[in-house]
Amino acid sequence: MPRCEGSTKAGNRCKRAAREGSRFCSAHEDSAMNTAEESARETNRAKSDTSRNRRESECVQRDVFDAVFGLAAAGVVIVVALTLRRFIRIF
């Protein structure tokens, strides 16, 4: 039988035999499941953070686009107003 892949509190590798169909002995099988569940939670949390960062990035891009578009529109209005002022003398 293969040796358990778990580790002791001191950090040494477990000396027990692994259970049949598992990589761990009965003492470490539960901790291995907890570690796997924690790992899955961390992966899900990382995916969630990535999608949140992507959404925030898209919002920032939209805000920048809106600001630039607003400035461009204001520039067009100013150019039109100056042109009208030059030719019509309304200001």
N, C-alpha and C. Protein backbone atom coordinates (compact mmCIF):
# COMPACT_ATOMS: atom_id res chain seq x y z
N MET A 1 0.84 -1.19 0.00
CA MET A 1 0.00 0.00 0.00
C MET A 1 0.88 1.25 0.00
N PRO A 2 0.41 2.26 -0.67
CA PRO A 2 1.20 3.50 -0.69
C PRO A 2 1.13 4.22 0.66
N ARG A 3 2.10 5.04 0.87
CA ARG A 3 2.20 5.79 2.12
C ARG A 3 1.30 7.03 2.07
N CYS A 4 0.76 7.42 3.21
CA CYS A 4 -0.11 8.59 3.33
C CYS A 4 0.66 9.85 2.92
N GLU A 5 0.00 10.74 2.19
CA GLU A 5 0.64 11.99 1.76
C GLU A 5 0.41 13.13 2.74
N GLY A 6 -0.26 12.85 3.85
CA GLY A 6 -0.50 13.88 4.86
C GLY A 6 0.76 14.22 5.63
N SER A 7 0.68 15.27 6.42
CA SER A 7 1.84 15.65 7.22
C SER A 7 1.41 15.83 8.67
N THR A 8 2.37 15.63 9.56
CA THR A 8 2.11 15.76 10.98
C THR A 8 2.14 17.23 11.37
N LYS A 9 1.78 17.50 12.64
CA LYS A 9 1.81 18.89 13.12
C LYS A 9 3.22 19.46 13.07
N ALA A 10 4.20 18.59 13.23
CA ALA A 10 5.60 19.02 13.19
C ALA A 10 6.07 19.28 11.76
N GLY A 11 5.26 18.88 10.78
CA GLY A 11 5.63 19.11 9.39
C GLY A 11 6.25 17.92 8.71
N ASN A 12 6.40 16.82 9.43
CA ASN A 12 6.96 15.60 8.83
C ASN A 12 5.87 14.84 8.10
N ARG A 13 6.28 14.02 7.14
CA ARG A 13 5.32 13.23 6.40
C ARG A 13 4.79 12.10 7.27
N CYS A 14 3.48 11.83 7.14
CA CYS A 14 2.82 10.77 7.91
C CYS A 14 3.43 9.41 7.55
N LYS A 15 3.57 8.54 8.54
CA LYS A 15 4.18 7.23 8.33
C LYS A 15 3.15 6.14 8.10
N ARG A 16 1.86 6.48 8.20
CA ARG A 16 0.81 5.47 8.03
C ARG A 16 0.60 5.14 6.55
N ALA A 17 -0.07 4.01 6.35
CA ALA A 17 -0.42 3.60 4.99
C ALA A 17 -1.70 4.34 4.56
N ALA A 18 -1.76 4.69 3.31
CA ALA A 18 -2.95 5.37 2.78
C ALA A 18 -4.10 4.38 2.69
N ARG A 19 -5.33 4.89 2.84
CA ARG A 19 -6.51 4.03 2.69
C ARG A 19 -6.64 3.62 1.24
N GLU A 20 -7.31 2.52 1.03
CA GLU A 20 -7.50 2.02 -0.33
C GLU A 20 -8.32 3.02 -1.15
N GLY A 21 -7.82 3.39 -2.32
CA GLY A 21 -8.50 4.33 -3.19
C GLY A 21 -8.30 5.78 -2.79
N SER A 22 -7.41 6.04 -1.85
CA SER A 22 -7.16 7.41 -1.38
C SER A 22 -5.65 7.64 -1.28
N ARG A 23 -5.28 8.88 -1.21
CA ARG A 23 -3.86 9.21 -1.03
C ARG A 23 -3.53 9.44 0.44
N PHE A 24 -4.55 9.38 1.32
CA PHE A 24 -4.36 9.71 2.73
C PHE A 24 -4.84 8.59 3.64
N CYS A 25 -4.32 8.58 4.86
CA CYS A 25 -4.79 7.64 5.88
C CYS A 25 -6.09 8.19 6.48
N SER A 26 -6.70 7.43 7.38
CA SER A 26 -7.97 7.87 7.96
C SER A 26 -7.82 9.15 8.76
N ALA A 27 -6.68 9.37 9.37
CA ALA A 27 -6.46 10.58 10.17
C ALA A 27 -6.34 11.83 9.31
N HIS A 28 -5.78 11.69 8.13
CA HIS A 28 -5.53 12.87 7.28
C HIS A 28 -6.57 13.05 6.17
N GLU A 29 -7.43 12.07 5.98
CA GLU A 29 -8.41 12.16 4.90
C GLU A 29 -9.35 13.35 5.10
N ASP A 30 -9.82 13.57 6.33
CA ASP A 30 -10.71 14.69 6.61
C ASP A 30 -10.00 16.02 6.39
N SER A 31 -8.76 16.13 6.85
CA SER A 31 -8.03 17.39 6.67
C SER A 31 -7.74 17.63 5.19
N ALA A 32 -7.55 16.55 4.43
CA ALA A 32 -7.32 16.70 2.98
C ALA A 32 -8.58 17.23 2.30
N MET A 33 -9.75 16.73 2.75
CA MET A 33 -11.01 17.23 2.18
C MET A 33 -11.20 18.70 2.52
N ASN A 34 -10.90 19.06 3.77
CA ASN A 34 -11.02 20.46 4.17
C ASN A 34 -10.08 21.34 3.35
N THR A 35 -8.87 20.85 3.12
CA THR A 35 -7.90 21.60 2.33
C THR A 35 -8.40 21.75 0.89
N ALA A 36 -8.97 20.69 0.33
CA ALA A 36 -9.50 20.75 -1.03
C ALA A 36 -10.67 21.73 -1.12
N GLU A 37 -11.53 21.71 -0.10
CA GLU A 37 -12.66 22.65 -0.08
C GLU A 37 -12.17 24.09 0.03
N GLU A 38 -11.16 24.31 0.89
CA GLU A 38 -10.59 25.65 1.02
C GLU A 38 -9.98 26.10 -0.30
N SER A 39 -9.29 25.19 -0.95
CA SER A 39 -8.67 25.51 -2.23
C SER A 39 -9.74 25.88 -3.27
N ALA A 40 -10.84 25.14 -3.29
CA ALA A 40 -11.94 25.44 -4.22
C ALA A 40 -12.55 26.80 -3.89
N ARG A 41 -12.71 27.09 -2.60
CA ARG A 41 -13.25 28.40 -2.20
C ARG A 41 -12.32 29.53 -2.63
N GLU A 42 -11.01 29.32 -2.44
CA GLU A 42 -10.03 30.33 -2.85
C GLU A 42 -10.08 30.56 -4.36
N THR A 43 -10.22 29.47 -5.12
CA THR A 43 -10.31 29.58 -6.57
C THR A 43 -11.55 30.37 -6.96
N ASN A 44 -12.69 30.06 -6.35
CA ASN A 44 -13.92 30.79 -6.64
C ASN A 44 -13.80 32.25 -6.25
N ARG A 45 -13.16 32.51 -5.10
CA ARG A 45 -12.98 33.89 -4.66
C ARG A 45 -12.09 34.65 -5.65
N ALA A 46 -11.04 34.00 -6.15
CA ALA A 46 -10.15 34.65 -7.12
C ALA A 46 -10.90 34.94 -8.41
N LYS A 47 -11.74 33.99 -8.86
CA LYS A 47 -12.53 34.23 -10.07
C LYS A 47 -13.49 35.39 -9.86
N SER A 48 -14.10 35.45 -8.67
CA SER A 48 -15.02 36.54 -8.35
C SER A 48 -14.29 37.87 -8.36
N ASP A 49 -13.09 37.90 -7.76
CA ASP A 49 -12.31 39.14 -7.74
C ASP A 49 -11.92 39.56 -9.16
N THR A 50 -11.58 38.58 -9.99
CA THR A 50 -11.21 38.89 -11.37
C THR A 50 -12.38 39.49 -12.13
N SER A 51 -13.56 38.89 -11.98
CA SER A 51 -14.72 39.43 -12.70
C SER A 51 -15.11 40.80 -12.14
N ARG A 52 -14.96 41.00 -10.83
CA ARG A 52 -15.26 42.30 -10.23
C ARG A 52 -14.28 43.35 -10.77
N ASN A 53 -12.99 42.99 -10.85
CA ASN A 53 -11.99 43.91 -11.39
C ASN A 53 -12.28 44.24 -12.85
N ARG A 54 -12.72 43.23 -13.61
CA ARG A 54 -13.05 43.46 -15.02
C ARG A 54 -14.22 44.43 -15.13
N ARG A 55 -15.25 44.25 -14.29
CA ARG A 55 -16.41 45.15 -14.33
C ARG A 55 -16.00 46.57 -13.94
N GLU A 56 -15.15 46.69 -12.90
CA GLU A 56 -14.68 48.00 -12.49
C GLU A 56 -13.87 48.66 -13.60
N SER A 57 -13.05 47.88 -14.28
CA SER A 57 -12.24 48.40 -15.38
C SER A 57 -13.14 48.89 -16.52
N GLU A 58 -14.19 48.12 -16.81
CA GLU A 58 -15.12 48.54 -17.87
C GLU A 58 -15.84 49.83 -17.48
N CYS A 59 -16.18 49.97 -16.20
CA CYS A 59 -16.84 51.20 -15.73
C CYS A 59 -15.90 52.39 -15.87
N VAL A 60 -14.63 52.19 -15.51
CA VAL A 60 -13.66 53.28 -15.65
C VAL A 60 -13.49 53.65 -17.10
N GLN A 61 -13.43 52.66 -17.98
CA GLN A 61 -13.30 52.95 -19.41
C GLN A 61 -14.50 53.74 -19.91
N ARG A 62 -15.71 53.36 -19.47
CA ARG A 62 -16.90 54.10 -19.88
C ARG A 62 -16.87 55.53 -19.36
N ASP A 63 -16.43 55.69 -18.11
CA ASP A 63 -16.34 57.03 -17.53
C ASP A 63 -15.35 57.90 -18.31
N VAL A 64 -14.21 57.33 -18.66
CA VAL A 64 -13.22 58.08 -19.43
C VAL A 64 -13.79 58.44 -20.80
N PHE A 65 -14.44 57.47 -21.45
CA PHE A 65 -15.05 57.75 -22.75
C PHE A 65 -16.09 58.85 -22.64
N ASP A 66 -16.95 58.78 -21.62
CA ASP A 66 -17.97 59.82 -21.43
C ASP A 66 -17.34 61.18 -21.21
N ALA A 67 -16.27 61.23 -20.42
CA ALA A 67 -15.59 62.50 -20.16
C ALA A 67 -14.98 63.06 -21.44
N VAL A 68 -14.30 62.22 -22.21
CA VAL A 68 -13.69 62.68 -23.46
C VAL A 68 -14.76 63.11 -24.45
N PHE A 69 -15.82 62.33 -24.54
CA PHE A 69 -16.91 62.68 -25.45
C PHE A 69 -17.54 64.01 -25.04
N GLY A 70 -17.72 64.19 -23.73
CA GLY A 70 -18.28 65.45 -23.23
C GLY A 70 -17.38 66.63 -23.55
N LEU A 71 -16.06 66.45 -23.37
CA LEU A 71 -15.13 67.52 -23.71
C LEU A 71 -15.13 67.81 -25.20
N ALA A 72 -15.21 66.77 -26.01
CA ALA A 72 -15.26 66.97 -27.46
C ALA A 72 -16.52 67.71 -27.86
N ALA A 73 -17.64 67.34 -27.25
CA ALA A 73 -18.90 68.04 -27.55
C ALA A 73 -18.82 69.50 -27.12
N ALA A 74 -18.22 69.75 -25.96
CA ALA A 74 -18.06 71.13 -25.49
C ALA A 74 -17.15 71.90 -26.42
N GLY A 75 -16.11 71.26 -26.91
CA GLY A 75 -15.20 71.90 -27.87
C GLY A 75 -15.92 72.27 -29.15
N VAL A 76 -16.78 71.40 -29.63
CA VAL A 76 -17.55 71.69 -30.84
C VAL A 76 -18.46 72.89 -30.60
N VAL A 77 -19.10 72.92 -29.45
CA VAL A 77 -19.99 74.04 -29.13
C VAL A 77 -19.20 75.35 -29.08
N ILE A 78 -18.01 75.32 -28.49
CA ILE A 78 -17.18 76.52 -28.42
C ILE A 78 -16.74 76.97 -29.80
N VAL A 79 -16.33 76.03 -30.63
CA VAL A 79 -15.91 76.38 -31.99
C VAL A 79 -17.08 76.99 -32.76
N VAL A 80 -18.25 76.42 -32.65
CA VAL A 80 -19.42 76.96 -33.34
C VAL A 80 -19.74 78.35 -32.81
N ALA A 81 -19.68 78.53 -31.50
CA ALA A 81 -19.98 79.83 -30.92
C ALA A 81 -18.96 80.88 -31.37
N LEU A 82 -17.68 80.54 -31.41
CA LEU A 82 -16.66 81.49 -31.86
C LEU A 82 -16.83 81.81 -33.33
N THR A 83 -17.20 80.81 -34.11
CA THR A 83 -17.43 81.05 -35.54
C THR A 83 -18.62 81.99 -35.73
N LEU A 84 -19.69 81.73 -35.00
CA LEU A 84 -20.85 82.62 -35.10
C LEU A 84 -20.50 84.03 -34.64
N ARG A 85 -19.70 84.12 -33.58
CA ARG A 85 -19.32 85.43 -33.07
C ARG A 85 -18.51 86.19 -34.12
N ARG A 86 -17.65 85.48 -34.81
CA ARG A 86 -16.80 86.13 -35.81
C ARG A 86 -17.59 86.64 -37.00
N PHE A 87 -18.56 85.83 -37.46
CA PHE A 87 -19.27 86.22 -38.67
C PHE A 87 -20.56 87.00 -38.37
N ILE A 88 -21.17 86.73 -37.25
CA ILE A 88 -22.46 87.38 -37.00
C ILE A 88 -22.33 88.48 -35.95
N ARG A 89 -21.30 88.46 -35.19
CA ARG A 89 -21.06 89.45 -34.14
C ARG A 89 -22.22 89.48 -33.13
N ILE A 90 -22.58 88.27 -32.61
CA ILE A 90 -23.67 88.22 -31.65
C ILE A 90 -23.17 88.27 -30.21
N PHE A 91 -21.89 88.12 -29.99
CA PHE A 91 -21.37 88.14 -28.62
C PHE A 91 -20.58 89.40 -28.37
